[in-house]
Amino acid sequence: MLVNSTVVNVKLPKVYHILPTANLESVLRLGLYNHIHGREAKSVDFSETAVQKRRANKMLSGKSLHHFVCTFLNTKNKMSFRYFKEKRDYVILELKSGLFNAYDFYFSLHNAASDKATFHSIHNSDFPYDKIQLISNMKYEEVQNISKDYARSAMMSEFLFDTDRISSRYINRIIIHKDSVIEQFYCFLNMGVEFSIDEDNEFFFQERR
């Protein structure tokens, strides 16, 4: 039974989840949890405390943002740039388009915790398809044609899925940094998920420092 039958014939771009590598085994076995249930599972958390306090107190459809599983349109954003500078070890989950039919969701223009954020439902006539396509194609290093601050804020836009858990069957592939220790992923190769190395720095910032 499809939750969002209106999405079937609508083309939406791929969405991604930026995941600490230490959590990969759990996600492949159990799925991708929202912040509340991820915390209960004692997963590694790279997020900033101040941001999570805002998300805990900000409401959407009668629930705090912590009740939603967050995904990004663009993996080269201000958050992953911070991870890059801090030398964090993370992977990127590319999710299947069937996700949009399986769960109710909202689109947040700008990061959902920010004051700039506006929330949009696929069921409303003003759903911002054009902006979504634009943001998914933005390059962090190449935002000269519009305000850099606005663009990099927009690149933090999110799809928020209204569920405790996204099933691991909606993981399309796992993208890893080209400088990663490849051997650490060998134990996951029999779990039915594709791995790909980001040789061209399409998803990650460049050399790990």
N, C-alpha and C. Protein backbone atom coordinates (compact mmCIF):
# COMPACT_ATOMS: atom_id res chain seq x y z
N MET A 1 0.85 -1.20 0.00
CA MET A 1 0.00 0.00 0.00
C MET A 1 0.88 1.24 0.00
N LEU A 2 0.78 2.09 -0.99
CA LEU A 2 1.60 3.28 -1.06
C LEU A 2 1.03 4.36 -0.17
N VAL A 3 1.92 4.99 0.58
CA VAL A 3 1.51 6.10 1.43
C VAL A 3 1.23 7.33 0.59
N ASN A 4 2.10 7.60 -0.36
CA ASN A 4 2.01 8.82 -1.17
C ASN A 4 1.77 8.46 -2.63
N SER A 5 0.54 8.11 -2.97
CA SER A 5 0.25 7.72 -4.34
C SER A 5 0.47 8.87 -5.31
N THR A 6 0.44 10.12 -4.82
CA THR A 6 0.64 11.26 -5.71
C THR A 6 2.08 11.37 -6.17
N VAL A 7 3.00 10.68 -5.52
CA VAL A 7 4.41 10.81 -5.85
C VAL A 7 4.83 9.87 -6.98
N VAL A 8 4.01 8.87 -7.26
CA VAL A 8 4.40 7.82 -8.20
C VAL A 8 4.90 8.37 -9.52
N ASN A 9 4.20 9.33 -10.08
CA ASN A 9 4.55 9.87 -11.39
C ASN A 9 5.31 11.18 -11.32
N VAL A 10 5.82 11.52 -10.14
CA VAL A 10 6.55 12.76 -9.96
C VAL A 10 8.03 12.44 -9.84
N LYS A 11 8.86 13.16 -10.61
CA LYS A 11 10.29 12.93 -10.57
C LYS A 11 10.92 13.80 -9.50
N LEU A 12 11.43 13.17 -8.45
CA LEU A 12 12.17 13.87 -7.42
C LEU A 12 13.62 13.39 -7.45
N PRO A 13 14.56 14.25 -7.11
CA PRO A 13 15.97 13.84 -7.16
C PRO A 13 16.31 12.85 -6.06
N LYS A 14 17.47 12.24 -6.18
CA LYS A 14 17.92 11.32 -5.15
C LYS A 14 18.17 12.08 -3.84
N VAL A 15 17.98 11.37 -2.75
CA VAL A 15 18.29 11.95 -1.44
C VAL A 15 19.31 11.07 -0.75
N TYR A 16 20.00 11.67 0.22
CA TYR A 16 21.15 11.03 0.85
C TYR A 16 21.11 11.23 2.36
N HIS A 17 21.72 10.28 3.06
CA HIS A 17 21.91 10.42 4.49
C HIS A 17 23.40 10.31 4.77
N ILE A 18 23.92 11.26 5.55
CA ILE A 18 25.34 11.29 5.90
C ILE A 18 25.50 10.57 7.23
N LEU A 19 26.25 9.46 7.23
CA LEU A 19 26.23 8.52 8.34
C LEU A 19 27.63 8.26 8.89
N PRO A 20 27.83 8.40 10.21
CA PRO A 20 29.11 7.97 10.78
C PRO A 20 29.39 6.51 10.42
N THR A 21 30.59 6.23 9.97
CA THR A 21 30.93 4.87 9.54
C THR A 21 30.69 3.86 10.64
N ALA A 22 30.88 4.26 11.89
CA ALA A 22 30.69 3.35 13.02
C ALA A 22 29.25 2.84 13.13
N ASN A 23 28.29 3.56 12.52
CA ASN A 23 26.88 3.16 12.60
C ASN A 23 26.44 2.30 11.42
N LEU A 24 27.32 2.05 10.47
CA LEU A 24 26.90 1.40 9.23
C LEU A 24 26.36 0.00 9.46
N GLU A 25 27.04 -0.78 10.26
CA GLU A 25 26.58 -2.17 10.49
C GLU A 25 25.16 -2.18 11.05
N SER A 26 24.91 -1.33 12.04
CA SER A 26 23.58 -1.28 12.66
C SER A 26 22.52 -0.86 11.65
N VAL A 27 22.82 0.12 10.82
CA VAL A 27 21.85 0.61 9.83
C VAL A 27 21.55 -0.46 8.80
N LEU A 28 22.57 -1.19 8.36
CA LEU A 28 22.33 -2.25 7.38
C LEU A 28 21.48 -3.37 7.96
N ARG A 29 21.63 -3.64 9.24
CA ARG A 29 20.86 -4.72 9.87
C ARG A 29 19.46 -4.27 10.28
N LEU A 30 19.35 -3.04 10.81
CA LEU A 30 18.12 -2.62 11.47
C LEU A 30 17.38 -1.47 10.79
N GLY A 31 18.05 -0.76 9.89
CA GLY A 31 17.44 0.38 9.24
C GLY A 31 17.97 1.69 9.79
N LEU A 32 17.49 2.77 9.21
CA LEU A 32 17.94 4.12 9.54
C LEU A 32 16.91 4.77 10.46
N TYR A 33 17.30 4.98 11.71
CA TYR A 33 16.37 5.48 12.73
C TYR A 33 16.35 7.01 12.78
N ASN A 34 15.24 7.54 13.28
CA ASN A 34 15.21 8.96 13.59
C ASN A 34 16.10 9.23 14.81
N HIS A 35 16.23 10.50 15.18
CA HIS A 35 17.18 10.86 16.23
C HIS A 35 16.81 10.20 17.57
N ILE A 36 15.54 10.13 17.88
CA ILE A 36 15.11 9.56 19.16
C ILE A 36 15.51 8.09 19.27
N HIS A 37 15.18 7.32 18.26
CA HIS A 37 15.47 5.89 18.33
C HIS A 37 16.94 5.58 18.04
N GLY A 38 17.58 6.44 17.27
CA GLY A 38 19.02 6.29 17.07
C GLY A 38 19.77 6.49 18.37
N ARG A 39 19.32 7.43 19.17
CA ARG A 39 19.94 7.68 20.47
C ARG A 39 19.75 6.48 21.39
N GLU A 40 18.56 5.89 21.34
CA GLU A 40 18.29 4.70 22.16
C GLU A 40 19.19 3.54 21.75
N ALA A 41 19.54 3.49 20.46
CA ALA A 41 20.42 2.43 19.97
C ALA A 41 21.89 2.72 20.25
N LYS A 42 22.17 3.86 20.91
CA LYS A 42 23.53 4.26 21.28
C LYS A 42 24.43 4.40 20.07
N SER A 43 23.89 4.98 19.01
CA SER A 43 24.69 5.18 17.81
C SER A 43 25.62 6.37 17.99
N VAL A 44 26.69 6.39 17.21
CA VAL A 44 27.63 7.52 17.21
C VAL A 44 26.93 8.72 16.61
N ASP A 45 27.12 9.88 17.21
CA ASP A 45 26.42 11.10 16.78
C ASP A 45 27.43 12.23 16.62
N PHE A 46 27.56 12.75 15.39
CA PHE A 46 28.48 13.85 15.11
C PHE A 46 27.80 15.22 15.23
N SER A 47 26.50 15.25 15.47
CA SER A 47 25.77 16.50 15.39
C SER A 47 26.13 17.44 16.54
N GLU A 48 25.86 18.72 16.33
CA GLU A 48 26.15 19.74 17.33
C GLU A 48 25.03 19.79 18.35
N THR A 49 25.40 19.89 19.62
CA THR A 49 24.41 19.89 20.71
C THR A 49 23.40 21.03 20.56
N ALA A 50 23.89 22.21 20.21
CA ALA A 50 23.00 23.37 20.09
C ALA A 50 21.97 23.17 18.99
N VAL A 51 22.40 22.57 17.89
CA VAL A 51 21.48 22.31 16.77
C VAL A 51 20.43 21.28 17.20
N GLN A 52 20.86 20.25 17.91
CA GLN A 52 19.92 19.22 18.32
C GLN A 52 18.92 19.74 19.35
N LYS A 53 19.31 20.69 20.16
CA LYS A 53 18.36 21.31 21.08
C LYS A 53 17.27 22.05 20.31
N ARG A 54 17.68 22.74 19.24
CA ARG A 54 16.69 23.44 18.40
C ARG A 54 15.76 22.44 17.73
N ARG A 55 16.31 21.35 17.25
CA ARG A 55 15.49 20.35 16.57
C ARG A 55 14.53 19.68 17.56
N ALA A 56 14.97 19.50 18.78
CA ALA A 56 14.12 18.87 19.79
C ALA A 56 12.91 19.74 20.13
N ASN A 57 13.08 21.05 20.00
CA ASN A 57 12.02 21.98 20.40
C ASN A 57 11.19 22.50 19.23
N LYS A 58 11.65 22.26 18.02
CA LYS A 58 10.93 22.77 16.85
C LYS A 58 9.91 21.74 16.39
N MET A 59 8.68 22.19 16.16
CA MET A 59 7.58 21.28 15.87
C MET A 59 7.21 21.30 14.39
N LEU A 60 6.85 20.14 13.89
CA LEU A 60 6.36 19.99 12.52
C LEU A 60 5.26 18.94 12.55
N SER A 61 4.07 19.32 12.12
CA SER A 61 2.93 18.41 12.11
C SER A 61 2.68 17.80 13.50
N GLY A 62 2.85 18.63 14.53
CA GLY A 62 2.57 18.19 15.89
C GLY A 62 3.65 17.36 16.55
N LYS A 63 4.82 17.25 15.91
CA LYS A 63 5.92 16.45 16.46
C LYS A 63 7.21 17.27 16.40
N SER A 64 8.14 16.95 17.29
CA SER A 64 9.44 17.59 17.17
C SER A 64 10.18 17.02 15.96
N LEU A 65 11.16 17.78 15.49
CA LEU A 65 11.95 17.33 14.34
C LEU A 65 12.68 16.02 14.61
N HIS A 66 12.91 15.71 15.87
CA HIS A 66 13.58 14.46 16.22
C HIS A 66 12.75 13.23 15.88
N HIS A 67 11.48 13.41 15.58
CA HIS A 67 10.63 12.27 15.22
C HIS A 67 10.72 11.94 13.72
N PHE A 68 11.49 12.71 12.97
CA PHE A 68 11.62 12.50 11.53
C PHE A 68 13.03 12.00 11.21
N VAL A 69 13.13 11.17 10.18
CA VAL A 69 14.44 10.79 9.65
C VAL A 69 14.84 11.82 8.60
N CYS A 70 15.99 12.42 8.79
CA CYS A 70 16.40 13.50 7.89
C CYS A 70 17.33 12.99 6.78
N THR A 71 17.14 13.54 5.60
CA THR A 71 17.99 13.24 4.45
C THR A 71 18.29 14.55 3.72
N PHE A 72 19.35 14.54 2.94
CA PHE A 72 19.77 15.74 2.22
C PHE A 72 19.68 15.55 0.71
N LEU A 73 19.47 16.65 0.03
CA LEU A 73 19.55 16.66 -1.44
C LEU A 73 21.00 16.72 -1.91
N ASN A 74 21.81 17.39 -1.13
CA ASN A 74 23.17 17.70 -1.56
C ASN A 74 24.14 17.28 -0.45
N THR A 75 25.07 16.40 -0.79
CA THR A 75 25.97 15.86 0.23
C THR A 75 27.16 16.77 0.52
N LYS A 76 27.42 17.71 -0.37
CA LYS A 76 28.49 18.69 -0.11
C LYS A 76 27.83 19.94 0.45
N ASN A 77 27.66 19.94 1.75
CA ASN A 77 26.97 21.05 2.40
C ASN A 77 27.78 21.51 3.62
N LYS A 78 27.23 22.46 4.36
CA LYS A 78 27.99 23.02 5.49
C LYS A 78 28.26 21.99 6.57
N MET A 79 27.34 21.05 6.75
CA MET A 79 27.54 20.02 7.76
C MET A 79 28.67 19.08 7.37
N SER A 80 28.65 18.58 6.14
CA SER A 80 29.71 17.65 5.73
C SER A 80 31.05 18.37 5.60
N PHE A 81 31.02 19.69 5.32
CA PHE A 81 32.28 20.45 5.30
C PHE A 81 32.88 20.51 6.70
N ARG A 82 32.01 20.64 7.71
CA ARG A 82 32.51 20.60 9.10
C ARG A 82 33.09 19.23 9.41
N TYR A 83 32.41 18.17 8.99
CA TYR A 83 32.94 16.83 9.20
C TYR A 83 34.30 16.68 8.53
N PHE A 84 34.41 17.24 7.33
CA PHE A 84 35.67 17.18 6.58
C PHE A 84 36.79 17.87 7.36
N LYS A 85 36.52 19.05 7.87
CA LYS A 85 37.54 19.79 8.61
C LYS A 85 37.91 19.08 9.91
N GLU A 86 36.93 18.43 10.52
CA GLU A 86 37.17 17.72 11.79
C GLU A 86 37.71 16.30 11.57
N LYS A 87 37.91 15.92 10.30
CA LYS A 87 38.43 14.60 9.94
C LYS A 87 37.52 13.48 10.45
N ARG A 88 36.24 13.69 10.35
CA ARG A 88 35.27 12.68 10.74
C ARG A 88 35.24 11.54 9.72
N ASP A 89 34.98 10.36 10.20
CA ASP A 89 34.90 9.18 9.33
C ASP A 89 33.43 8.88 9.07
N TYR A 90 32.97 9.15 7.84
CA TYR A 90 31.56 8.94 7.52
C TYR A 90 31.40 8.37 6.12
N VAL A 91 30.24 7.80 5.88
CA VAL A 91 29.85 7.31 4.56
C VAL A 91 28.57 8.03 4.17
N ILE A 92 28.20 7.89 2.91
CA ILE A 92 26.98 8.51 2.41
C ILE A 92 26.05 7.41 1.90
N LEU A 93 24.83 7.41 2.42
CA LEU A 93 23.82 6.47 1.94
C LEU A 93 22.99 7.14 0.86
N GLU A 94 23.00 6.57 -0.32
CA GLU A 94 22.09 7.02 -1.38
C GLU A 94 20.84 6.16 -1.29
N LEU A 95 19.68 6.81 -1.17
CA LEU A 95 18.44 6.09 -0.92
C LEU A 95 17.61 5.93 -2.19
N LYS A 96 16.81 4.88 -2.24
CA LYS A 96 16.00 4.57 -3.43
C LYS A 96 14.80 5.51 -3.51
N SER A 97 14.37 5.77 -4.74
CA SER A 97 13.25 6.68 -4.95
C SER A 97 11.95 6.14 -4.36
N GLY A 98 11.85 4.83 -4.18
CA GLY A 98 10.66 4.24 -3.58
C GLY A 98 10.37 4.74 -2.18
N LEU A 99 11.38 5.32 -1.57
CA LEU A 99 11.23 5.92 -0.25
C LEU A 99 10.10 6.94 -0.21
N PHE A 100 9.95 7.71 -1.29
CA PHE A 100 8.95 8.77 -1.32
C PHE A 100 7.52 8.22 -1.33
N ASN A 101 7.37 6.99 -1.79
CA ASN A 101 6.06 6.36 -1.78
C ASN A 101 5.77 5.59 -0.50
N ALA A 102 6.82 5.23 0.20
CA ALA A 102 6.67 4.36 1.37
C ALA A 102 6.36 5.13 2.65
N TYR A 103 6.81 6.39 2.72
CA TYR A 103 6.66 7.16 3.95
C TYR A 103 6.14 8.56 3.63
N ASP A 104 5.37 9.11 4.55
CA ASP A 104 5.01 10.52 4.45
C ASP A 104 6.25 11.36 4.69
N PHE A 105 6.30 12.52 4.06
CA PHE A 105 7.49 13.35 4.21
C PHE A 105 7.16 14.81 4.00
N TYR A 106 8.08 15.64 4.44
CA TYR A 106 8.06 17.09 4.20
C TYR A 106 9.39 17.50 3.61
N PHE A 107 9.36 18.54 2.81
CA PHE A 107 10.59 19.16 2.33
C PHE A 107 10.83 20.42 3.14
N SER A 108 12.04 20.57 3.67
CA SER A 108 12.44 21.77 4.39
C SER A 108 13.39 22.57 3.51
N LEU A 109 12.95 23.74 3.07
CA LEU A 109 13.84 24.64 2.34
C LEU A 109 14.73 25.32 3.37
N HIS A 110 16.02 25.09 3.30
CA HIS A 110 17.05 25.40 4.30
C HIS A 110 16.98 24.33 5.41
N ASN A 111 18.01 24.32 6.22
CA ASN A 111 18.07 23.35 7.30
C ASN A 111 16.86 23.48 8.21
N ALA A 112 16.26 22.35 8.57
CA ALA A 112 15.00 22.38 9.30
C ALA A 112 15.10 23.09 10.64
N ALA A 113 16.29 23.12 11.24
CA ALA A 113 16.46 23.76 12.54
C ALA A 113 16.66 25.27 12.45
N SER A 114 16.88 25.78 11.24
CA SER A 114 17.21 27.20 11.09
C SER A 114 15.95 28.07 11.07
N ASP A 115 16.17 29.35 11.35
CA ASP A 115 15.05 30.29 11.30
C ASP A 115 14.55 30.51 9.88
N LYS A 116 15.39 30.23 8.89
CA LYS A 116 15.01 30.43 7.49
C LYS A 116 14.09 29.33 6.96
N ALA A 117 14.04 28.21 7.66
CA ALA A 117 13.37 27.02 7.12
C ALA A 117 11.89 27.25 6.88
N THR A 118 11.44 26.78 5.73
CA THR A 118 10.00 26.69 5.44
C THR A 118 9.71 25.25 5.06
N PHE A 119 8.54 24.75 5.49
CA PHE A 119 8.21 23.34 5.32
C PHE A 119 7.11 23.18 4.28
N HIS A 120 7.26 22.14 3.45
CA HIS A 120 6.36 21.96 2.31
C HIS A 120 5.94 20.50 2.20
N SER A 121 4.65 20.30 1.96
CA SER A 121 4.11 18.96 1.77
C SER A 121 3.91 18.69 0.28
N ILE A 122 4.18 17.46 -0.13
CA ILE A 122 3.98 17.06 -1.52
C ILE A 122 2.52 17.19 -1.93
N HIS A 123 1.61 17.19 -0.97
CA HIS A 123 0.18 17.24 -1.26
C HIS A 123 -0.32 18.66 -1.51
N ASN A 124 0.54 19.66 -1.32
CA ASN A 124 0.15 21.05 -1.54
C ASN A 124 0.56 21.53 -2.92
N SER A 125 -0.23 22.41 -3.48
CA SER A 125 0.01 22.87 -4.85
C SER A 125 1.28 23.72 -4.98
N ASP A 126 1.78 24.27 -3.87
CA ASP A 126 2.96 25.12 -3.93
C ASP A 126 4.25 24.37 -3.64
N PHE A 127 4.22 23.04 -3.74
CA PHE A 127 5.43 22.26 -3.49
C PHE A 127 6.54 22.73 -4.43
N PRO A 128 7.74 23.08 -3.90
CA PRO A 128 8.75 23.80 -4.69
C PRO A 128 9.65 22.90 -5.54
N TYR A 129 9.06 22.26 -6.54
CA TYR A 129 9.84 21.34 -7.38
C TYR A 129 11.05 22.01 -8.01
N ASP A 130 10.88 23.22 -8.52
CA ASP A 130 11.98 23.90 -9.21
C ASP A 130 13.15 24.17 -8.27
N LYS A 131 12.85 24.61 -7.06
CA LYS A 131 13.92 24.88 -6.10
C LYS A 131 14.62 23.59 -5.69
N ILE A 132 13.87 22.52 -5.58
CA ILE A 132 14.45 21.23 -5.21
C ILE A 132 15.46 20.78 -6.27
N GLN A 133 15.08 20.90 -7.53
CA GLN A 133 15.99 20.53 -8.61
C GLN A 133 17.23 21.42 -8.61
N LEU A 134 17.03 22.70 -8.40
CA LEU A 134 18.15 23.64 -8.37
C LEU A 134 19.13 23.29 -7.25
N ILE A 135 18.61 23.03 -6.07
CA ILE A 135 19.47 22.73 -4.92
C ILE A 135 20.23 21.43 -5.13
N SER A 136 19.58 20.44 -5.69
CA SER A 136 20.24 19.14 -5.88
C SER A 136 21.41 19.25 -6.85
N ASN A 137 21.39 20.25 -7.74
CA ASN A 137 22.45 20.43 -8.73
C ASN A 137 23.51 21.44 -8.33
N MET A 138 23.33 22.09 -7.19
CA MET A 138 24.31 23.09 -6.75
C MET A 138 25.63 22.42 -6.38
N LYS A 139 26.72 23.13 -6.63
CA LYS A 139 28.04 22.68 -6.23
C LYS A 139 28.57 23.64 -5.17
N TYR A 140 29.01 23.07 -4.07
CA TYR A 140 29.45 23.89 -2.93
C TYR A 140 30.53 24.89 -3.34
N GLU A 141 31.41 24.43 -4.23
CA GLU A 141 32.54 25.28 -4.65
C GLU A 141 32.17 26.27 -5.74
N GLU A 142 30.97 26.13 -6.32
CA GLU A 142 30.61 26.93 -7.50
C GLU A 142 29.24 27.58 -7.31
N VAL A 143 29.19 28.59 -6.50
CA VAL A 143 27.92 29.28 -6.26
C VAL A 143 28.08 30.78 -6.52
N GLN A 144 28.78 31.11 -7.59
CA GLN A 144 29.09 32.50 -7.87
C GLN A 144 27.92 33.27 -8.49
N ASN A 145 26.99 32.55 -9.12
CA ASN A 145 25.91 33.22 -9.83
C ASN A 145 24.79 33.70 -8.90
N ILE A 146 24.81 33.26 -7.64
CA ILE A 146 23.83 33.72 -6.66
C ILE A 146 24.57 33.96 -5.35
N SER A 147 23.89 34.54 -4.40
CA SER A 147 24.51 34.81 -3.11
C SER A 147 25.10 33.53 -2.52
N LYS A 148 26.39 33.58 -2.21
CA LYS A 148 27.06 32.40 -1.68
C LYS A 148 26.45 31.96 -0.36
N ASP A 149 26.18 32.90 0.54
CA ASP A 149 25.61 32.54 1.84
C ASP A 149 24.24 31.90 1.68
N TYR A 150 23.42 32.47 0.78
CA TYR A 150 22.08 31.91 0.56
C TYR A 150 22.21 30.51 -0.03
N ALA A 151 23.08 30.35 -1.01
CA ALA A 151 23.21 29.07 -1.69
C ALA A 151 23.66 27.98 -0.73
N ARG A 152 24.66 28.29 0.08
CA ARG A 152 25.17 27.27 0.99
C ARG A 152 24.18 26.96 2.10
N SER A 153 23.34 27.92 2.45
CA SER A 153 22.25 27.65 3.38
C SER A 153 21.21 26.76 2.72
N ALA A 154 20.87 27.07 1.47
CA ALA A 154 19.88 26.26 0.74
C ALA A 154 20.36 24.83 0.53
N MET A 155 21.67 24.65 0.42
CA MET A 155 22.21 23.31 0.23
C MET A 155 22.07 22.43 1.47
N MET A 156 21.65 23.02 2.58
CA MET A 156 21.34 22.26 3.79
C MET A 156 19.87 21.84 3.84
N SER A 157 19.12 22.10 2.77
CA SER A 157 17.71 21.71 2.72
C SER A 157 17.56 20.20 2.92
N GLU A 158 16.45 19.81 3.49
CA GLU A 158 16.25 18.41 3.88
C GLU A 158 14.90 17.87 3.41
N PHE A 159 14.86 16.58 3.19
CA PHE A 159 13.61 15.83 3.16
C PHE A 159 13.48 15.13 4.51
N LEU A 160 12.37 15.36 5.17
CA LEU A 160 12.12 14.80 6.50
C LEU A 160 11.04 13.73 6.40
N PHE A 161 11.40 12.49 6.72
CA PHE A 161 10.48 11.37 6.59
C PHE A 161 9.84 11.06 7.94
N ASP A 162 8.51 11.01 7.93
CA ASP A 162 7.73 10.87 9.16
C ASP A 162 7.64 9.41 9.55
N THR A 163 8.70 8.92 10.18
CA THR A 163 8.76 7.51 10.57
C THR A 163 9.81 7.34 11.65
N ASP A 164 9.65 6.31 12.45
CA ASP A 164 10.70 5.98 13.43
C ASP A 164 11.93 5.42 12.74
N ARG A 165 11.70 4.74 11.60
CA ARG A 165 12.79 4.00 10.96
C ARG A 165 12.55 3.86 9.47
N ILE A 166 13.57 4.10 8.69
CA ILE A 166 13.55 3.79 7.26
C ILE A 166 14.20 2.42 7.08
N SER A 167 13.50 1.51 6.47
CA SER A 167 14.02 0.16 6.27
C SER A 167 15.30 0.19 5.43
N SER A 168 16.22 -0.70 5.76
CA SER A 168 17.48 -0.77 5.01
C SER A 168 17.27 -1.19 3.56
N ARG A 169 16.11 -1.73 3.23
CA ARG A 169 15.88 -2.10 1.83
C ARG A 169 15.79 -0.89 0.91
N TYR A 170 15.65 0.30 1.50
CA TYR A 170 15.62 1.52 0.70
C TYR A 170 17.00 2.14 0.50
N ILE A 171 18.04 1.46 0.94
CA ILE A 171 19.40 1.92 0.65
C ILE A 171 19.78 1.44 -0.74
N ASN A 172 20.06 2.37 -1.62
CA ASN A 172 20.43 2.03 -2.99
C ASN A 172 21.91 1.67 -3.10
N ARG A 173 22.75 2.48 -2.49
CA ARG A 173 24.18 2.19 -2.46
C ARG A 173 24.83 2.99 -1.33
N ILE A 174 26.03 2.56 -0.99
CA ILE A 174 26.83 3.22 0.03
C ILE A 174 28.05 3.82 -0.67
N ILE A 175 28.19 5.11 -0.54
CA ILE A 175 29.28 5.83 -1.20
C ILE A 175 30.36 6.11 -0.17
N ILE A 176 31.59 5.76 -0.50
CA ILE A 176 32.69 5.92 0.43
C ILE A 176 33.77 6.83 -0.16
N HIS A 177 34.48 7.50 0.73
CA HIS A 177 35.53 8.42 0.31
C HIS A 177 36.68 7.64 -0.32
N LYS A 178 37.31 8.23 -1.32
CA LYS A 178 38.36 7.52 -2.05
C LYS A 178 39.58 7.22 -1.18
N ASP A 179 39.74 7.94 -0.06
CA ASP A 179 40.87 7.69 0.83
C ASP A 179 40.51 6.78 1.99
N SER A 180 39.30 6.25 1.99
CA SER A 180 38.89 5.35 3.07
C SER A 180 39.70 4.06 3.05
N VAL A 181 39.80 3.43 4.21
CA VAL A 181 40.39 2.11 4.31
C VAL A 181 39.34 1.11 3.80
N ILE A 182 39.53 0.65 2.59
CA ILE A 182 38.51 -0.15 1.91
C ILE A 182 38.23 -1.45 2.66
N GLU A 183 39.25 -2.03 3.26
CA GLU A 183 39.10 -3.34 3.90
C GLU A 183 38.06 -3.34 5.01
N GLN A 184 37.81 -2.19 5.62
CA GLN A 184 36.83 -2.16 6.72
C GLN A 184 35.41 -2.45 6.24
N PHE A 185 35.19 -2.36 4.92
CA PHE A 185 33.85 -2.58 4.38
C PHE A 185 33.65 -3.99 3.82
N TYR A 186 34.70 -4.80 3.78
CA TYR A 186 34.59 -6.13 3.19
C TYR A 186 33.53 -6.98 3.89
N CYS A 187 33.40 -6.80 5.20
CA CYS A 187 32.46 -7.64 5.95
C CYS A 187 31.01 -7.36 5.61
N PHE A 188 30.75 -6.25 4.88
CA PHE A 188 29.37 -5.89 4.54
C PHE A 188 28.98 -6.31 3.12
N LEU A 189 29.93 -6.87 2.38
CA LEU A 189 29.68 -7.13 0.97
C LEU A 189 28.63 -8.20 0.72
N ASN A 190 28.37 -9.04 1.72
CA ASN A 190 27.35 -10.09 1.55
C ASN A 190 25.99 -9.65 2.06
N MET A 191 25.80 -8.35 2.29
CA MET A 191 24.53 -7.86 2.85
C MET A 191 23.62 -7.28 1.77
N GLY A 192 24.00 -7.47 0.50
CA GLY A 192 23.11 -7.13 -0.60
C GLY A 192 23.04 -5.66 -0.96
N VAL A 193 24.03 -4.86 -0.55
CA VAL A 193 24.05 -3.44 -0.86
C VAL A 193 25.29 -3.12 -1.68
N GLU A 194 25.12 -2.27 -2.67
CA GLU A 194 26.23 -1.85 -3.52
C GLU A 194 27.09 -0.82 -2.80
N PHE A 195 28.40 -0.95 -2.96
CA PHE A 195 29.34 0.06 -2.49
C PHE A 195 30.00 0.72 -3.69
N SER A 196 30.22 2.02 -3.61
CA SER A 196 30.96 2.70 -4.67
C SER A 196 31.92 3.71 -4.06
N ILE A 197 33.05 3.88 -4.70
CA ILE A 197 34.09 4.80 -4.23
C ILE A 197 33.95 6.11 -4.99
N ASP A 198 33.98 7.21 -4.27
CA ASP A 198 33.81 8.53 -4.87
C ASP A 198 35.14 9.03 -5.43
N GLU A 199 35.54 8.46 -6.54
CA GLU A 199 36.84 8.76 -7.14
C GLU A 199 36.93 10.21 -7.63
N ASP A 200 35.81 10.80 -8.05
CA ASP A 200 35.83 12.13 -8.66
C ASP A 200 35.40 13.24 -7.70
N ASN A 201 35.33 12.94 -6.42
CA ASN A 201 34.93 13.94 -5.42
C ASN A 201 33.57 14.56 -5.72
N GLU A 202 32.66 13.75 -6.23
CA GLU A 202 31.31 14.25 -6.52
C GLU A 202 30.50 14.41 -5.24
N PHE A 203 30.74 13.55 -4.26
CA PHE A 203 29.92 13.52 -3.05
C PHE A 203 30.67 13.99 -1.80
N PHE A 204 31.97 13.82 -1.80
CA PHE A 204 32.80 14.20 -0.66
C PHE A 204 33.68 15.39 -1.04
N PHE A 205 34.12 16.12 -0.02
CA PHE A 205 35.19 17.07 -0.24
C PHE A 205 36.47 16.29 -0.48
N GLN A 206 37.50 16.96 -0.91
CA GLN A 206 38.66 16.23 -1.47
C GLN A 206 39.48 15.51 -0.43
N GLU A 207 40.79 15.60 -0.51
CA GLU A 207 41.64 14.79 0.35
C GLU A 207 41.33 15.01 1.83
N ARG A 208 41.32 13.92 2.55
CA ARG A 208 41.16 14.02 3.98
C ARG A 208 42.48 14.52 4.57
N ARG A 209 42.37 15.52 5.44
CA ARG A 209 43.57 16.14 5.95
C ARG A 209 43.89 15.65 7.35
